[in-house]
Amino acid sequence: MRIGELARQTGISISRIRFYEARGLLAQAPRAANGYRSYGADAADALRFLDQAQRLGFSLAEIKRGMPDPNGATPSPSMLVAALQQKEAEIDRLIEAALAKKKAIATLLVELQCAV
């Protein structure tokens, strides 16, 4: 399939698909005789994986480390579980830090309101 069809199928823009290719996150598609890129179904799967990983908060560097095969192979389930557990722990730390900041702000608000 051509890049436009791949973009429509996945909901990912053409420029983003090209960006992923340039970064080595998506295998370079072979070109047909007319010069157009020709993508297989595995490219759509890889793009959906990339999109979901980014939506879950993974950076492109983290995604690339977890995708040893730029030809679209999805990491093993055990690799995915480990990465998701690490991301969950990171989010828990961020939540704890945000709650501590919220508590400090609430304390400061009470102090300032008493001073008024």
PDB file of N, CA and C in Angstrom:
ATOM      1  N   MET A   1       0.849  -1.178   0.000  1.00  0.00           N
ATOM      2  CA  MET A   1       0.000   0.000   0.000  1.00  0.00           C
ATOM      3  C   MET A   1       0.889   1.233   0.000  1.00  0.00           C
ATOM      4  N   ARG A   2       0.370   2.318  -0.508  1.00  0.00           N
ATOM      5  CA  ARG A   2       1.136   3.558  -0.556  1.00  0.00           C
ATOM      6  C   ARG A   2       0.958   4.317   0.757  1.00  0.00           C
ATOM      7  N   ILE A   3       1.790   5.325   0.936  1.00  0.00           N
ATOM      8  CA  ILE A   3       1.850   6.041   2.210  1.00  0.00           C
ATOM      9  C   ILE A   3       0.523   6.714   2.569  1.00  0.00           C
ATOM     10  N   GLY A   4      -0.197   7.221   1.583  1.00  0.00           N
ATOM     11  CA  GLY A   4      -1.482   7.855   1.860  1.00  0.00           C
ATOM     12  C   GLY A   4      -2.492   6.874   2.418  1.00  0.00           C
ATOM     13  N   GLU A   5      -2.523   5.678   1.843  1.00  0.00           N
ATOM     14  CA  GLU A   5      -3.440   4.649   2.331  1.00  0.00           C
ATOM     15  C   GLU A   5      -3.041   4.202   3.737  1.00  0.00           C
ATOM     16  N   LEU A   6      -1.740   4.071   3.960  1.00  0.00           N
ATOM     17  CA  LEU A   6      -1.250   3.705   5.293  1.00  0.00           C
ATOM     18  C   LEU A   6      -1.647   4.769   6.316  1.00  0.00           C
ATOM     19  N   ALA A   7      -1.527   6.021   5.931  1.00  0.00           N
ATOM     20  CA  ALA A   7      -1.913   7.123   6.818  1.00  0.00           C
ATOM     21  C   ALA A   7      -3.407   7.060   7.133  1.00  0.00           C
ATOM     22  N   ARG A   8      -4.224   6.810   6.120  1.00  0.00           N
ATOM     23  CA  ARG A   8      -5.680   6.718   6.343  1.00  0.00           C
ATOM     24  C   ARG A   8      -6.016   5.534   7.239  1.00  0.00           C
ATOM     25  N   GLN A   9      -5.370   4.399   6.999  1.00  0.00           N
ATOM     26  CA  GLN A   9      -5.647   3.191   7.784  1.00  0.00           C
ATOM     27  C   GLN A   9      -5.297   3.353   9.252  1.00  0.00           C
ATOM     28  N   THR A  10      -4.216   4.054   9.518  1.00  0.00           N
ATOM     29  CA  THR A  10      -3.717   4.148  10.893  1.00  0.00           C
ATOM     30  C   THR A  10      -4.101   5.440  11.600  1.00  0.00           C
ATOM     31  N   GLY A  11      -4.520   6.448  10.831  1.00  0.00           N
ATOM     32  CA  GLY A  11      -4.816   7.745  11.432  1.00  0.00           C
ATOM     33  C   GLY A  11      -3.559   8.532  11.771  1.00  0.00           C
ATOM     34  N   ILE A  12      -2.436   8.121  11.219  1.00  0.00           N
ATOM     35  CA  ILE A  12      -1.153   8.783  11.466  1.00  0.00           C
ATOM     36  C   ILE A  12      -0.776   9.555  10.213  1.00  0.00           C
ATOM     37  N   SER A  13      -0.371  10.793  10.385  1.00  0.00           N
ATOM     38  CA  SER A  13      -0.094  11.651   9.231  1.00  0.00           C
ATOM     39  C   SER A  13       1.091  11.134   8.410  1.00  0.00           C
ATOM     40  N   ILE A  14       1.083  11.500   7.152  1.00  0.00           N
ATOM     41  CA  ILE A  14       2.166  11.117   6.248  1.00  0.00           C
ATOM     42  C   ILE A  14       3.501  11.642   6.770  1.00  0.00           C
ATOM     43  N   SER A  15       3.503  12.878   7.240  1.00  0.00           N
ATOM     44  CA  SER A  15       4.766  13.452   7.726  1.00  0.00           C
ATOM     45  C   SER A  15       5.279  12.692   8.944  1.00  0.00           C
ATOM     46  N   ARG A  16       4.372  12.245   9.788  1.00  0.00           N
ATOM     47  CA  ARG A  16       4.785  11.483  10.973  1.00  0.00           C
ATOM     48  C   ARG A  16       5.334  10.115  10.568  1.00  0.00           C
ATOM     49  N   ILE A  17       4.716   9.489   9.567  1.00  0.00           N
ATOM     50  CA  ILE A  17       5.217   8.204   9.070  1.00  0.00           C
ATOM     51  C   ILE A  17       6.638   8.381   8.543  1.00  0.00           C
ATOM     52  N   ARG A  18       6.851   9.426   7.769  1.00  0.00           N
ATOM     53  CA  ARG A  18       8.194   9.691   7.240  1.00  0.00           C
ATOM     54  C   ARG A  18       9.182   9.989   8.369  1.00  0.00           C
ATOM     55  N   PHE A  19       8.714  10.702   9.388  1.00  0.00           N
ATOM     56  CA  PHE A  19       9.553  11.000  10.553  1.00  0.00           C
ATOM     57  C   PHE A  19       9.992   9.703  11.231  1.00  0.00           C
ATOM     58  N   TYR A  20       9.041   8.787  11.447  1.00  0.00           N
ATOM     59  CA  TYR A  20       9.375   7.505  12.071  1.00  0.00           C
ATOM     60  C   TYR A  20      10.387   6.731  11.230  1.00  0.00           C
ATOM     61  N   GLU A  21      10.215   6.767   9.918  1.00  0.00           N
ATOM     62  CA  GLU A  21      11.177   6.105   9.031  1.00  0.00           C
ATOM     63  C   GLU A  21      12.565   6.725   9.176  1.00  0.00           C
ATOM     64  N   ALA A  22      12.612   8.042   9.176  1.00  0.00           N
ATOM     65  CA  ALA A  22      13.896   8.748   9.268  1.00  0.00           C
ATOM     66  C   ALA A  22      14.601   8.454  10.589  1.00  0.00           C
ATOM     67  N   ARG A  23      13.840   8.256  11.649  1.00  0.00           N
ATOM     68  CA  ARG A  23      14.404   7.971  12.977  1.00  0.00           C
ATOM     69  C   ARG A  23      14.730   6.493  13.181  1.00  0.00           C
ATOM     70  N   GLY A  24      14.399   5.656  12.209  1.00  0.00           N
ATOM     71  CA  GLY A  24      14.679   4.229  12.334  1.00  0.00           C
ATOM     72  C   GLY A  24      13.682   3.474  13.178  1.00  0.00           C
ATOM     73  N   LEU A  25      12.534   4.090  13.455  1.00  0.00           N
ATOM     74  CA  LEU A  25      11.485   3.425  14.229  1.00  0.00           C
ATOM     75  C   LEU A  25      10.576   2.593  13.333  1.00  0.00           C
ATOM     76  N   LEU A  26      10.590   2.879  12.066  1.00  0.00           N
ATOM     77  CA  LEU A  26       9.796   2.157  11.074  1.00  0.00           C
ATOM     78  C   LEU A  26      10.735   1.824   9.927  1.00  0.00           C
ATOM     79  N   ALA A  27      10.680   0.588   9.478  1.00  0.00           N
ATOM     80  CA  ALA A  27      11.566   0.165   8.393  1.00  0.00           C
ATOM     81  C   ALA A  27      11.314   0.998   7.143  1.00  0.00           C
ATOM     82  N   GLN A  28      12.386   1.302   6.432  1.00  0.00           N
ATOM     83  CA  GLN A  28      12.256   2.002   5.154  1.00  0.00           C
ATOM     84  C   GLN A  28      11.455   1.109   4.215  1.00  0.00           C
ATOM     85  N   ALA A  29      10.405   1.657   3.649  1.00  0.00           N
ATOM     86  CA  ALA A  29       9.581   0.892   2.719  1.00  0.00           C
ATOM     87  C   ALA A  29      10.289   0.806   1.374  1.00  0.00           C
ATOM     88  N   PRO A  30      10.226  -0.363   0.756  1.00  0.00           N
ATOM     89  CA  PRO A  30      10.816  -0.457  -0.580  1.00  0.00           C
ATOM     90  C   PRO A  30      10.031   0.418  -1.552  1.00  0.00           C
ATOM     91  N   ARG A  31      10.701   0.858  -2.573  1.00  0.00           N
ATOM     92  CA  ARG A  31      10.049   1.710  -3.564  1.00  0.00           C
ATOM     93  C   ARG A  31       9.697   0.891  -4.795  1.00  0.00           C
ATOM     94  N   ALA A  32       8.510   1.164  -5.310  1.00  0.00           N
ATOM     95  CA  ALA A  32       8.057   0.516  -6.540  1.00  0.00           C
ATOM     96  C   ALA A  32       8.786   1.153  -7.723  1.00  0.00           C
ATOM     97  N   ALA A  33       8.568   0.617  -8.902  1.00  0.00           N
ATOM     98  CA  ALA A  33       9.227   1.131 -10.106  1.00  0.00           C
ATOM     99  C   ALA A  33       8.919   2.606 -10.340  1.00  0.00           C
ATOM    100  N   ASN A  34       7.728   3.037  -9.913  1.00  0.00           N
ATOM    101  CA  ASN A  34       7.345   4.441 -10.103  1.00  0.00           C
ATOM    102  C   ASN A  34       7.918   5.362  -9.020  1.00  0.00           C
ATOM    103  N   GLY A  35       8.662   4.805  -8.073  1.00  0.00           N
ATOM    104  CA  GLY A  35       9.290   5.610  -7.033  1.00  0.00           C
ATOM    105  C   GLY A  35       8.480   5.745  -5.758  1.00  0.00           C
ATOM    106  N   TYR A  36       7.235   5.272  -5.768  1.00  0.00           N
ATOM    107  CA  TYR A  36       6.401   5.363  -4.570  1.00  0.00           C
ATOM    108  C   TYR A  36       6.815   4.305  -3.555  1.00  0.00           C
ATOM    109  N   ARG A  37       6.722   4.675  -2.272  1.00  0.00           N
ATOM    110  CA  ARG A  37       6.973   3.697  -1.217  1.00  0.00           C
ATOM    111  C   ARG A  37       5.836   2.677  -1.232  1.00  0.00           C
ATOM    112  N   SER A  38       6.178   1.442  -0.923  1.00  0.00           N
ATOM    113  CA  SER A  38       5.178   0.378  -0.879  1.00  0.00           C
ATOM    114  C   SER A  38       5.253  -0.295   0.492  1.00  0.00           C
ATOM    115  N   TYR A  39       4.211  -0.104   1.299  1.00  0.00           N
ATOM    116  CA  TYR A  39       4.180  -0.610   2.673  1.00  0.00           C
ATOM    117  C   TYR A  39       3.355  -1.884   2.766  1.00  0.00           C
ATOM    118  N   GLY A  40       3.775  -2.764   3.642  1.00  0.00           N
ATOM    119  CA  GLY A  40       3.019  -3.972   3.926  1.00  0.00           C
ATOM    120  C   GLY A  40       2.147  -3.776   5.156  1.00  0.00           C
ATOM    121  N   ALA A  41       1.335  -4.793   5.463  1.00  0.00           N
ATOM    122  CA  ALA A  41       0.444  -4.725   6.628  1.00  0.00           C
ATOM    123  C   ALA A  41       1.240  -4.598   7.924  1.00  0.00           C
ATOM    124  N   ASP A  42       2.461  -5.129   7.947  1.00  0.00           N
ATOM    125  CA  ASP A  42       3.280  -5.042   9.156  1.00  0.00           C
ATOM    126  C   ASP A  42       3.614  -3.598   9.508  1.00  0.00           C
ATOM    127  N   ALA A  43       3.679  -2.732   8.502  1.00  0.00           N
ATOM    128  CA  ALA A  43       3.953  -1.311   8.765  1.00  0.00           C
ATOM    129  C   ALA A  43       2.800  -0.684   9.538  1.00  0.00           C
ATOM    130  N   ALA A  44       1.570  -1.057   9.201  1.00  0.00           N
ATOM    131  CA  ALA A  44       0.405  -0.528   9.922  1.00  0.00           C
ATOM    132  C   ALA A  44       0.437  -0.983  11.377  1.00  0.00           C
ATOM    133  N   ASP A  45       0.784  -2.247  11.594  1.00  0.00           N
ATOM    134  CA  ASP A  45       0.877  -2.760  12.968  1.00  0.00           C
ATOM    135  C   ASP A  45       1.957  -2.022  13.751  1.00  0.00           C
ATOM    136  N   ALA A  46       3.105  -1.815  13.118  1.00  0.00           N
ATOM    137  CA  ALA A  46       4.204  -1.110  13.782  1.00  0.00           C
ATOM    138  C   ALA A  46       3.807   0.321  14.118  1.00  0.00           C
ATOM    139  N   LEU A  47       3.106   0.986  13.205  1.00  0.00           N
ATOM    140  CA  LEU A  47       2.676   2.367  13.457  1.00  0.00           C
ATOM    141  C   LEU A  47       1.672   2.436  14.599  1.00  0.00           C
ATOM    142  N   ARG A  48       0.756   1.486  14.644  1.00  0.00           N
ATOM    143  CA  ARG A  48      -0.216   1.466  15.750  1.00  0.00           C
ATOM    144  C   ARG A  48       0.504   1.259  17.083  1.00  0.00           C
ATOM    145  N   PHE A  49       1.510   0.381  17.076  1.00  0.00           N
ATOM    146  CA  PHE A  49       2.299   0.150  18.284  1.00  0.00           C
ATOM    147  C   PHE A  49       3.015   1.434  18.705  1.00  0.00           C
ATOM    148  N   LEU A  50       3.661   2.100  17.752  1.00  0.00           N
ATOM    149  CA  LEU A  50       4.369   3.352  18.040  1.00  0.00           C
ATOM    150  C   LEU A  50       3.421   4.401  18.602  1.00  0.00           C
ATOM    151  N   ASP A  51       2.261   4.534  17.983  1.00  0.00           N
ATOM    152  CA  ASP A  51       1.286   5.534  18.408  1.00  0.00           C
ATOM    153  C   ASP A  51       0.795   5.242  19.824  1.00  0.00           C
ATOM    154  N   GLN A  52       0.468   3.984  20.079  1.00  0.00           N
ATOM    155  CA  GLN A  52      -0.018   3.621  21.414  1.00  0.00           C
ATOM    156  C   GLN A  52       1.066   3.843  22.467  1.00  0.00           C
ATOM    157  N   ALA A  53       2.291   3.470  22.151  1.00  0.00           N
ATOM    158  CA  ALA A  53       3.385   3.652  23.108  1.00  0.00           C
ATOM    159  C   ALA A  53       3.577   5.128  23.435  1.00  0.00           C
ATOM    160  N   GLN A  54       3.500   5.982  22.417  1.00  0.00           N
ATOM    161  CA  GLN A  54       3.639   7.420  22.677  1.00  0.00           C
ATOM    162  C   GLN A  54       2.475   7.936  23.516  1.00  0.00           C
ATOM    163  N   ARG A  55       1.275   7.458  23.243  1.00  0.00           N
ATOM    164  CA  ARG A  55       0.109   7.889  24.030  1.00  0.00           C
ATOM    165  C   ARG A  55       0.228   7.459  25.491  1.00  0.00           C
ATOM    166  N   LEU A  56       0.946   6.376  25.735  1.00  0.00           N
ATOM    167  CA  LEU A  56       1.149   5.899  27.105  1.00  0.00           C
ATOM    168  C   LEU A  56       2.296   6.613  27.807  1.00  0.00           C
ATOM    169  N   GLY A  57       2.945   7.524  27.096  1.00  0.00           N
ATOM    170  CA  GLY A  57       3.977   8.333  27.727  1.00  0.00           C
ATOM    171  C   GLY A  57       5.403   7.903  27.449  1.00  0.00           C
ATOM    172  N   PHE A  58       5.598   6.935  26.578  1.00  0.00           N
ATOM    173  CA  PHE A  58       6.950   6.511  26.246  1.00  0.00           C
ATOM    174  C   PHE A  58       7.569   7.497  25.271  1.00  0.00           C
ATOM    175  N   SER A  59       8.823   7.842  25.511  1.00  0.00           N
ATOM    176  CA  SER A  59       9.548   8.713  24.584  1.00  0.00           C
ATOM    177  C   SER A  59       9.961   7.893  23.364  1.00  0.00           C
ATOM    178  N   LEU A  60      10.320   8.591  22.296  1.00  0.00           N
ATOM    179  CA  LEU A  60      10.779   7.877  21.104  1.00  0.00           C
ATOM    180  C   LEU A  60      12.042   7.073  21.401  1.00  0.00           C
ATOM    181  N   ALA A  61      12.910   7.605  22.252  1.00  0.00           N
ATOM    182  CA  ALA A  61      14.128   6.872  22.622  1.00  0.00           C
ATOM    183  C   ALA A  61      13.778   5.584  23.364  1.00  0.00           C
ATOM    184  N   GLU A  62      12.812   5.662  24.281  1.00  0.00           N
ATOM    185  CA  GLU A  62      12.385   4.461  25.008  1.00  0.00           C
ATOM    186  C   GLU A  62      11.772   3.449  24.054  1.00  0.00           C
ATOM    187  N   ILE A  63      10.973   3.931  23.130  1.00  0.00           N
ATOM    188  CA  ILE A  63      10.331   3.042  22.163  1.00  0.00           C
ATOM    189  C   ILE A  63      11.391   2.368  21.299  1.00  0.00           C
ATOM    190  N   LYS A  64      12.350   3.143  20.852  1.00  0.00           N
ATOM    191  CA  LYS A  64      13.397   2.585  19.987  1.00  0.00           C
ATOM    192  C   LYS A  64      14.201   1.515  20.722  1.00  0.00           C
ATOM    193  N   ARG A  65      14.504   1.751  21.986  1.00  0.00           N
ATOM    194  CA  ARG A  65      15.228   0.741  22.776  1.00  0.00           C
ATOM    195  C   ARG A  65      14.415  -0.542  22.903  1.00  0.00           C
ATOM    196  N   GLY A  66      13.103  -0.408  22.969  1.00  0.00           N
ATOM    197  CA  GLY A  66      12.236  -1.571  23.120  1.00  0.00           C
ATOM    198  C   GLY A  66      11.892  -2.258  21.821  1.00  0.00           C
ATOM    199  N   MET A  67      12.289  -1.662  20.708  1.00  0.00           N
ATOM    200  CA  MET A  67      11.999  -2.245  19.397  1.00  0.00           C
ATOM    201  C   MET A  67      13.313  -2.587  18.705  1.00  0.00           C
ATOM    202  N   PRO A  68      13.876  -3.741  19.015  1.00  0.00           N
ATOM    203  CA  PRO A  68      15.158  -4.083  18.414  1.00  0.00           C
ATOM    204  C   PRO A  68      15.088  -4.283  16.908  1.00  0.00           C
ATOM    205  N   ASP A  69      13.904  -4.553  16.395  1.00  0.00           N
ATOM    206  CA  ASP A  69      13.757  -4.800  14.966  1.00  0.00           C
ATOM    207  C   ASP A  69      12.982  -3.670  14.313  1.00  0.00           C
ATOM    208  N   PRO A  70      13.645  -2.785  13.570  1.00  0.00           N
ATOM    209  CA  PRO A  70      12.936  -1.679  12.936  1.00  0.00           C
ATOM    210  C   PRO A  70      12.053  -2.120  11.777  1.00  0.00           C
ATOM    211  N   ASN A  71      12.063  -3.414  11.468  1.00  0.00           N
ATOM    212  CA  ASN A  71      11.225  -3.904  10.382  1.00  0.00           C
ATOM    213  C   ASN A  71       9.795  -4.140  10.832  1.00  0.00           C
ATOM    214  N   GLY A  72       9.463  -3.665  12.007  1.00  0.00           N
ATOM    215  CA  GLY A  72       8.078  -3.708  12.434  1.00  0.00           C
ATOM    216  C   GLY A  72       7.747  -4.794  13.425  1.00  0.00           C
ATOM    217  N   ALA A  73       8.734  -5.601  13.823  1.00  0.00           N
ATOM    218  CA  ALA A  73       8.445  -6.658  14.780  1.00  0.00           C
ATOM    219  C   ALA A  73       8.149  -6.049  16.142  1.00  0.00           C
ATOM    220  N   THR A  74       7.072  -6.480  16.730  1.00  0.00           N
ATOM    221  CA  THR A  74       6.690  -5.994  18.053  1.00  0.00           C
ATOM    222  C   THR A  74       7.561  -6.692  19.098  1.00  0.00           C
ATOM    223  N   PRO A  75       7.976  -5.982  20.135  1.00  0.00           N
ATOM    224  CA  PRO A  75       8.781  -6.613  21.187  1.00  0.00           C
ATOM    225  C   PRO A  75       8.041  -7.783  21.825  1.00  0.00           C
ATOM    226  N   SER A  76       8.799  -8.656  22.457  1.00  0.00           N
ATOM    227  CA  SER A  76       8.200  -9.822  23.106  1.00  0.00           C
ATOM    228  C   SER A  76       7.295  -9.366  24.247  1.00  0.00           C
ATOM    229  N   PRO A  77       6.318 -10.208  24.600  1.00  0.00           N
ATOM    230  CA  PRO A  77       5.437  -9.847  25.722  1.00  0.00           C
ATOM    231  C   PRO A  77       6.201  -9.556  27.008  1.00  0.00           C
ATOM    232  N   SER A  78       7.263 -10.318  27.283  1.00  0.00           N
ATOM    233  CA  SER A  78       8.008 -10.078  28.528  1.00  0.00           C
ATOM    234  C   SER A  78       8.695  -8.715  28.500  1.00  0.00           C
ATOM    235  N   MET A  79       9.184  -8.294  27.324  1.00  0.00           N
ATOM    236  CA  MET A  79       9.791  -6.963  27.206  1.00  0.00           C
ATOM    237  C   MET A  79       8.735  -5.882  27.414  1.00  0.00           C
ATOM    238  N   LEU A  80       7.555  -6.104  26.850  1.00  0.00           N
ATOM    239  CA  LEU A  80       6.479  -5.124  26.994  1.00  0.00           C
ATOM    240  C   LEU A  80       6.037  -5.011  28.446  1.00  0.00           C
ATOM    241  N   VAL A  81       5.905  -6.151  29.111  1.00  0.00           N
ATOM    242  CA  VAL A  81       5.494  -6.146  30.521  1.00  0.00           C
ATOM    243  C   VAL A  81       6.507  -5.371  31.356  1.00  0.00           C
ATOM    244  N   ALA A  82       7.786  -5.632  31.147  1.00  0.00           N
ATOM    245  CA  ALA A  82       8.829  -4.935  31.913  1.00  0.00           C
ATOM    246  C   ALA A  82       8.788  -3.433  31.650  1.00  0.00           C
ATOM    247  N   ALA A  83       8.641  -3.046  30.394  1.00  0.00           N
ATOM    248  CA  ALA A  83       8.596  -1.618  30.051  1.00  0.00           C
ATOM    249  C   ALA A  83       7.368  -0.954  30.655  1.00  0.00           C
ATOM    250  N   LEU A  84       6.227  -1.635  30.602  1.00  0.00           N
ATOM    251  CA  LEU A  84       5.000  -1.065  31.166  1.00  0.00           C
ATOM    252  C   LEU A  84       5.094  -0.950  32.685  1.00  0.00           C
ATOM    253  N   GLN A  85       5.707  -1.927  33.325  1.00  0.00           N
ATOM    254  CA  GLN A  85       5.876  -1.851  34.777  1.00  0.00           C
ATOM    255  C   GLN A  85       6.784  -0.688  35.160  1.00  0.00           C
ATOM    256  N   GLN A  86       7.844  -0.476  34.395  1.00  0.00           N
ATOM    257  CA  GLN A  86       8.731   0.660  34.656  1.00  0.00           C
ATOM    258  C   GLN A  86       7.989   1.977  34.469  1.00  0.00           C
ATOM    259  N   LYS A  87       7.188   2.066  33.407  1.00  0.00           N
ATOM    260  CA  LYS A  87       6.440   3.302  33.140  1.00  0.00           C
ATOM    261  C   LYS A  87       5.412   3.535  34.240  1.00  0.00           C
ATOM    262  N   GLU A  88       4.767   2.469  34.698  1.00  0.00           N
ATOM    263  CA  GLU A  88       3.794   2.594  35.783  1.00  0.00           C
ATOM    264  C   GLU A  88       4.468   3.112  37.055  1.00  0.00           C
ATOM    265  N   ALA A  89       5.649   2.585  37.373  1.00  0.00           N
ATOM    266  CA  ALA A  89       6.393   3.046  38.556  1.00  0.00           C
ATOM    267  C   ALA A  89       6.786   4.510  38.404  1.00  0.00           C
ATOM    268  N   GLU A  90       7.193   4.896  37.199  1.00  0.00           N
ATOM    269  CA  GLU A  90       7.546   6.295  36.940  1.00  0.00           C
ATOM    270  C   GLU A  90       6.336   7.206  37.147  1.00  0.00           C
ATOM    271  N   ILE A  91       5.178   6.776  36.664  1.00  0.00           N
ATOM    272  CA  ILE A  91       3.951   7.566  36.830  1.00  0.00           C
ATOM    273  C   ILE A  91       3.584   7.663  38.308  1.00  0.00           C
ATOM    274  N   ASP A  92       3.748   6.564  39.049  1.00  0.00           N
ATOM    275  CA  ASP A  92       3.475   6.600  40.494  1.00  0.00           C
ATOM    276  C   ASP A  92       4.367   7.626  41.193  1.00  0.00           C
ATOM    277  N   ARG A  93       5.655   7.673  40.804  1.00  0.00           N
ATOM    278  CA  ARG A  93       6.571   8.660  41.401  1.00  0.00           C
ATOM    279  C   ARG A  93       6.131  10.084  41.052  1.00  0.00           C
ATOM    280  N   LEU A  94       5.701  10.283  39.823  1.00  0.00           N
ATOM    281  CA  LEU A  94       5.235  11.613  39.411  1.00  0.00           C
ATOM    282  C   LEU A  94       3.978  12.024  40.178  1.00  0.00           C
ATOM    283  N   ILE A  95       3.085  11.068  40.383  1.00  0.00           N
ATOM    284  CA  ILE A  95       1.861  11.350  41.144  1.00  0.00           C
ATOM    285  C   ILE A  95       2.212  11.722  42.582  1.00  0.00           C
ATOM    286  N   GLU A  96       3.123  10.970  43.192  1.00  0.00           N
ATOM    287  CA  GLU A  96       3.541  11.278  44.565  1.00  0.00           C
ATOM    288  C   GLU A  96       4.144  12.671  44.652  1.00  0.00           C
ATOM    289  N   ALA A  97       4.985  13.011  43.694  1.00  0.00           N
ATOM    290  CA  ALA A  97       5.609  14.341  43.686  1.00  0.00           C
ATOM    291  C   ALA A  97       4.556  15.423  43.495  1.00  0.00           C
ATOM    292  N   ALA A  98       3.595  15.188  42.617  1.00  0.00           N
ATOM    293  CA  ALA A  98       2.538  16.174  42.382  1.00  0.00           C
ATOM    294  C   ALA A  98       1.666  16.340  43.622  1.00  0.00           C
ATOM    295  N   LEU A  99       1.364  15.242  44.303  1.00  0.00           N
ATOM    296  CA  LEU A  99       0.563  15.330  45.528  1.00  0.00           C
ATOM    297  C   LEU A  99       1.308  16.085  46.625  1.00  0.00           C
ATOM    298  N   ALA A 100       2.614  15.886  46.709  1.00  0.00           N
ATOM    299  CA  ALA A 100       3.413  16.623  47.698  1.00  0.00           C
ATOM    300  C   ALA A 100       3.389  18.116  47.389  1.00  0.00           C
ATOM    301  N   LYS A 101       3.493  18.470  46.119  1.00  0.00           N
ATOM    302  CA  LYS A 101       3.421  19.883  45.725  1.00  0.00           C
ATOM    303  C   LYS A 101       2.047  20.462  46.029  1.00  0.00           C
ATOM    304  N   LYS A 102       1.013  19.672  45.755  1.00  0.00           N
ATOM    305  CA  LYS A 102      -0.350  20.134  46.024  1.00  0.00           C
ATOM    306  C   LYS A 102      -0.538  20.388  47.520  1.00  0.00           C
ATOM    307  N   LYS A 103      -0.003  19.495  48.343  1.00  0.00           N
ATOM    308  CA  LYS A 103      -0.113  19.662  49.790  1.00  0.00           C
ATOM    309  C   LYS A 103       0.629  20.918  50.237  1.00  0.00           C
ATOM    310  N   ALA A 104       1.818  21.158  49.677  1.00  0.00           N
ATOM    311  CA  ALA A 104       2.593  22.353  50.027  1.00  0.00           C
ATOM    312  C   ALA A 104       1.849  23.618  49.617  1.00  0.00           C
ATOM    313  N   ILE A 105       1.209  23.583  48.458  1.00  0.00           N
ATOM    314  CA  ILE A 105       0.427  24.743  47.998  1.00  0.00           C
ATOM    315  C   ILE A 105      -0.757  24.980  48.922  1.00  0.00           C
ATOM    316  N   ALA A 106      -1.448  23.902  49.310  1.00  0.00           N
ATOM    317  CA  ALA A 106      -2.592  24.040  50.209  1.00  0.00           C
ATOM    318  C   ALA A 106      -2.163  24.631  51.550  1.00  0.00           C
ATOM    319  N   THR A 107      -1.035  24.181  52.061  1.00  0.00           N
ATOM    320  CA  THR A 107      -0.509  24.711  53.322  1.00  0.00           C
ATOM    321  C   THR A 107      -0.199  26.193  53.194  1.00  0.00           C
ATOM    322  N   LEU A 108       0.455  26.567  52.113  1.00  0.00           N
ATOM    323  CA  LEU A 108       0.798  27.969  51.877  1.00  0.00           C
ATOM    324  C   LEU A 108      -0.460  28.823  51.728  1.00  0.00           C
ATOM    325  N   LEU A 109      -1.470  28.290  51.042  1.00  0.00           N
ATOM    326  CA  LEU A 109      -2.727  29.027  50.890  1.00  0.00           C
ATOM    327  C   LEU A 109      -3.371  29.298  52.246  1.00  0.00           C
ATOM    328  N   VAL A 110      -3.389  28.282  53.108  1.00  0.00           N
ATOM    329  CA  VAL A 110      -3.971  28.450  54.441  1.00  0.00           C
ATOM    330  C   VAL A 110      -3.209  29.522  55.212  1.00  0.00           C
ATOM    331  N   GLU A 111      -1.882  29.467  55.148  1.00  0.00           N
ATOM    332  CA  GLU A 111      -1.065  30.463  55.851  1.00  0.00           C
ATOM    333  C   GLU A 111      -1.332  31.867  55.326  1.00  0.00           C
ATOM    334  N   LEU A 112      -1.416  31.997  54.016  1.00  0.00           N
ATOM    335  CA  LEU A 112      -1.642  33.314  53.418  1.00  0.00           C
ATOM    336  C   LEU A 112      -3.052  33.830  53.698  1.00  0.00           C
ATOM    337  N   GLN A 113      -4.026  32.939  53.702  1.00  0.00           N
ATOM    338  CA  GLN A 113      -5.398  33.359  53.975  1.00  0.00           C
ATOM    339  C   GLN A 113      -5.554  33.794  55.428  1.00  0.00           C
ATOM    340  N   CYS A 114      -4.810  33.170  56.329  1.00  0.00           N
ATOM    341  CA  CYS A 114      -4.851  33.573  57.735  1.00  0.00           C
ATOM    342  C   CYS A 114      -4.215  34.946  57.928  1.00  0.00           C
ATOM    343  N   ALA A 115      -3.263  35.276  57.069  1.00  0.00           N
ATOM    344  CA  ALA A 115      -2.569  36.562  57.170  1.00  0.00           C
ATOM    345  C   ALA A 115      -3.402  37.706  56.610  1.00  0.00           C
ATOM    346  N   VAL A 116      -4.413  37.392  55.835  1.00  0.00           N
ATOM    347  CA  VAL A 116      -5.220  38.450  55.198  1.00  0.00           C
ATOM    348  C   VAL A 116      -6.266  38.968  56.111  1.00  0.00           C
TER     349      VAL A 116
END
